[in-house]
Protein backbone atom coordinates (compact mmCIF):
# COMPACT_ATOMS: atom_id res chain seq x y z
CA UNK A 1 7.63 30.44 1.56
CA UNK A 2 4.95 30.65 4.31
CA UNK A 3 6.02 29.87 7.85
CA UNK A 4 4.71 26.73 9.49
CA UNK A 5 3.08 27.58 12.80
CA UNK A 6 2.47 24.10 14.17
CA UNK A 7 3.15 20.56 13.01
CA UNK A 8 0.30 19.26 15.16
CA UNK A 9 -2.42 21.20 13.35
CA UNK A 10 -3.84 20.88 9.86
CA UNK A 11 -5.93 23.37 7.93
CA UNK A 12 -9.30 21.83 7.13
CA UNK A 13 -12.17 23.37 5.15
CA UNK A 14 -15.62 22.58 6.47
CA UNK A 15 -18.85 23.97 4.99
CA UNK A 16 -17.07 26.91 3.37
CA UNK A 17 -15.20 27.98 6.53
CA UNK A 18 -11.69 27.30 7.70
CA UNK A 19 -11.31 25.29 10.88
CA UNK A 20 -7.98 24.28 12.39
CA UNK A 21 -7.91 20.66 13.52
CA UNK A 22 -5.41 19.04 15.83
CA UNK A 23 -3.53 15.90 14.79
CA UNK A 24 -5.55 13.98 17.39
CA UNK A 25 -8.77 14.86 15.53
CA UNK A 26 -7.57 12.68 12.65
CA UNK A 27 -6.84 9.63 14.82
CA UNK A 28 -9.69 7.13 14.93
CA UNK A 29 -10.58 6.58 18.56
CA UNK A 30 -12.27 3.38 19.71
CA UNK A 31 -14.23 2.86 22.92
CA UNK A 32 -13.13 -0.80 23.03
CA UNK A 33 -9.48 -1.63 23.71
CA UNK A 34 -7.69 -2.91 20.65
CA UNK A 35 -6.22 -6.42 20.70
CA UNK A 36 -2.43 -6.03 20.55
CA UNK A 37 -0.95 -8.02 17.69
CA UNK A 38 2.78 -8.57 17.37
CA UNK A 39 4.20 -5.75 15.29
CA UNK A 40 4.55 -6.88 11.67
CA UNK A 41 7.40 -4.44 11.18
CA UNK A 42 9.65 -6.12 13.79
CA UNK A 43 12.29 -8.66 12.78
CA UNK A 44 14.11 -10.08 15.85
CA UNK A 45 14.38 -6.67 17.49
CA UNK A 46 15.05 -4.80 14.25
CA UNK A 47 12.50 -2.72 12.42
CA UNK A 48 11.63 -2.94 8.75
CA UNK A 49 11.62 0.14 6.59
CA UNK A 50 7.98 1.15 6.97
CA UNK A 51 7.55 3.52 4.03
CA UNK A 52 9.58 4.40 0.98
CA UNK A 53 9.18 6.57 -2.11
CA UNK A 54 10.96 5.20 -5.19
CA UNK A 55 10.87 8.46 -7.14
CA UNK A 56 12.31 10.54 -4.30
CA UNK A 57 14.66 7.85 -2.90
CA UNK A 58 13.14 8.29 0.56
CA UNK A 59 12.99 5.60 3.24
CA UNK A 60 11.25 5.94 6.62
CA UNK A 61 11.01 3.75 9.69
CA UNK A 62 11.93 3.23 13.31
CA UNK A 63 15.63 3.70 14.08
CA UNK A 64 15.07 2.28 17.55
CA UNK A 65 12.18 1.54 19.87
CA UNK A 66 12.73 1.62 23.63
CA UNK A 67 9.22 0.58 24.65
CA UNK A 68 6.55 -0.96 22.41
CA UNK A 69 3.07 0.56 22.26
CA UNK A 70 1.85 -2.24 24.57
CA UNK A 71 4.43 -1.18 27.21
CA UNK A 72 6.95 -3.99 26.66
CA UNK A 73 10.64 -3.01 26.83
CA UNK A 74 12.61 -3.96 23.73
CA UNK A 75 15.94 -5.80 23.79
CA UNK A 76 18.23 -5.52 20.76
CA UNK A 77 20.29 -8.29 19.19
CA UNK A 78 22.99 -7.82 21.81
CA UNK A 79 20.31 -8.15 24.52
CA UNK A 80 20.76 -4.48 25.40
CA UNK A 81 17.95 -2.06 26.23
CA UNK A 82 17.99 1.69 25.91
CA UNK A 83 16.12 3.94 28.27
CA UNK A 84 13.80 6.44 26.51
CA UNK A 85 15.73 9.44 27.86
CA UNK A 86 19.04 8.00 26.61
CA UNK A 87 17.52 7.28 23.20
CA UNK A 88 16.19 10.83 23.00
CA UNK A 89 19.59 12.30 23.91
CA UNK A 90 21.38 10.08 21.39
CA UNK A 91 18.92 11.08 18.66
CA UNK A 92 19.44 14.77 19.37
CA UNK A 93 23.22 14.37 19.24
CA UNK A 94 22.98 12.49 15.94
CA UNK A 95 20.81 15.20 14.39
CA UNK A 96 23.01 17.99 15.70
CA UNK A 97 26.36 16.48 14.75
CA UNK A 98 25.95 13.93 11.94
CA UNK A 99 22.76 13.58 9.86
CA UNK A 100 24.52 11.29 7.39
CA UNK A 101 23.54 7.71 6.66
CA UNK A 102 26.09 5.08 5.75
CA UNK A 103 26.09 1.63 4.28
CA UNK A 104 26.37 -1.30 6.69
CA UNK A 105 28.47 0.74 9.17
CA UNK A 106 31.35 0.55 6.67
CA UNK A 107 31.19 3.84 4.80
CA UNK A 108 29.30 7.12 4.96
CA UNK A 109 27.81 9.29 2.26
CA UNK A 110 24.98 6.96 1.27
CA UNK A 111 22.05 8.97 2.64
CA UNK A 112 21.03 12.21 4.34
CA UNK A 113 18.61 12.51 7.26
CA UNK A 114 15.42 14.35 6.27
CA UNK A 115 13.11 13.44 9.17
CA UNK A 116 13.63 12.67 12.83
CA UNK A 117 11.34 12.58 15.85
CA UNK A 118 11.65 10.77 19.14
CA UNK A 119 8.17 9.85 20.28
CA UNK A 120 8.05 10.10 24.08
CA UNK A 121 4.99 9.86 26.30
CA UNK A 122 5.10 13.64 26.84
CA UNK A 123 5.37 14.47 23.14
CA UNK A 124 2.59 12.08 22.18
CA UNK A 125 0.35 13.58 24.85
CA UNK A 126 1.13 17.09 23.56
CA UNK A 127 0.26 15.96 20.01
CA UNK A 128 -2.97 14.36 21.14
CA UNK A 129 -1.85 10.83 20.28
CA UNK A 130 -3.64 8.43 22.65
CA UNK A 131 -1.46 6.34 24.97
CA UNK A 132 -0.73 2.89 23.58
CA UNK A 133 -1.01 4.04 19.95
CA UNK A 134 2.69 4.38 19.13
CA UNK A 135 5.82 2.99 20.72
CA UNK A 136 8.31 5.14 22.57
CA UNK A 137 10.99 5.32 19.95
CA UNK A 138 12.93 7.19 17.31
CA UNK A 139 11.31 7.56 13.86
CA UNK A 140 13.61 8.58 11.02
CA UNK A 141 13.58 9.27 7.30
CA UNK A 142 16.52 9.34 4.91
CA UNK A 143 16.99 10.49 1.35
CA UNK A 144 19.24 7.82 -0.13
CA UNK A 145 21.78 9.55 -2.37
CA UNK A 146 23.76 6.48 -3.44
CA UNK A 147 22.11 4.65 -6.38
CA UNK A 148 23.58 1.24 -5.46
CA UNK A 149 22.34 1.55 -1.89
CA UNK A 150 18.89 2.64 -3.10
CA UNK A 151 18.68 -0.45 -5.33
CA UNK A 152 19.47 -2.59 -2.27
CA UNK A 153 16.71 -0.85 -0.31
CA UNK A 154 14.26 -1.48 -3.16
CA UNK A 155 15.18 -5.15 -3.66
CA UNK A 156 15.05 -5.90 0.08
CA UNK A 157 18.78 -6.41 0.62
CA UNK A 158 18.59 -3.55 3.14
CA UNK A 159 15.09 -3.92 4.62
CA UNK A 160 15.70 -1.96 7.82
CA UNK A 161 17.70 0.71 9.58
CA UNK A 162 20.57 -0.17 11.86
CA UNK A 163 21.90 2.44 14.24
CA UNK A 164 25.50 2.49 15.32
CA UNK A 165 26.90 4.08 18.39
CA UNK A 166 28.91 3.74 21.54
CA UNK A 167 27.53 3.38 25.02
CA UNK A 168 28.56 2.25 28.45
CA UNK A 169 27.02 -1.12 29.21
CA UNK A 170 25.39 -1.13 32.67
CA UNK A 171 24.09 -4.34 34.18
CA UNK A 172 20.37 -4.13 35.00
CA UNK A 173 18.89 -6.24 37.77
CA UNK A 174 16.02 -8.42 36.66
CA UNK A 175 12.78 -7.63 38.53
CA UNK A 176 12.11 -11.39 38.86
CA UNK A 177 15.31 -11.97 40.89
CA UNK A 178 14.54 -9.44 43.63
C-alpha cells in the first residue's frame, strides 16, 4: 500500500501534468461575507449525524462543538461549556484509550471509531480552511457493528452522537456581570 504523505493535499491532473493542490484550493472563497444561518445540524445543543453510508454502516458528525463558526460559544443541555483545549485533550484521550462506541451510554461494543479530528483555529489555518468556515469542534466517524443499533441510526431513533465523560465543573463568571 502506498504511503500517504499529506492529508491536506490532493493529486490533481491538469492539462496532462500532475499538480499537487492544497485542501484550501478546493474551498470556494467569496469576496462578500456570507450571511450566517443557524446551523441546520444543531438540535438544542446536540448535533445531528451529518453523513452516513448504509452499505458500510458508517456514521459521521460532530461529537462536540466548543465554538460555532460564527464565534458563538456553545452550551450543552446541562448548560456546560467546554474550552477548545479541554475538548482537544479529551478527544485525544478517547482515541488513545477507548475508540469504542456504545448504545445510549448503557453498553459498549456497538461501534468502532474510524475517524476523528479536532478542528482548532491553528489546524484549520494549517489546512488552509478560511476562518469562520468550520466550528471549533470534534468531528468523528464510527463504523456501527451492531445491526440493531444501525437500524436505529437509519430510522432516526439515534439521529446524533452523544459523548459521555467526567469533568470537574468550574463556575464561569458571566462577562455581563462584571
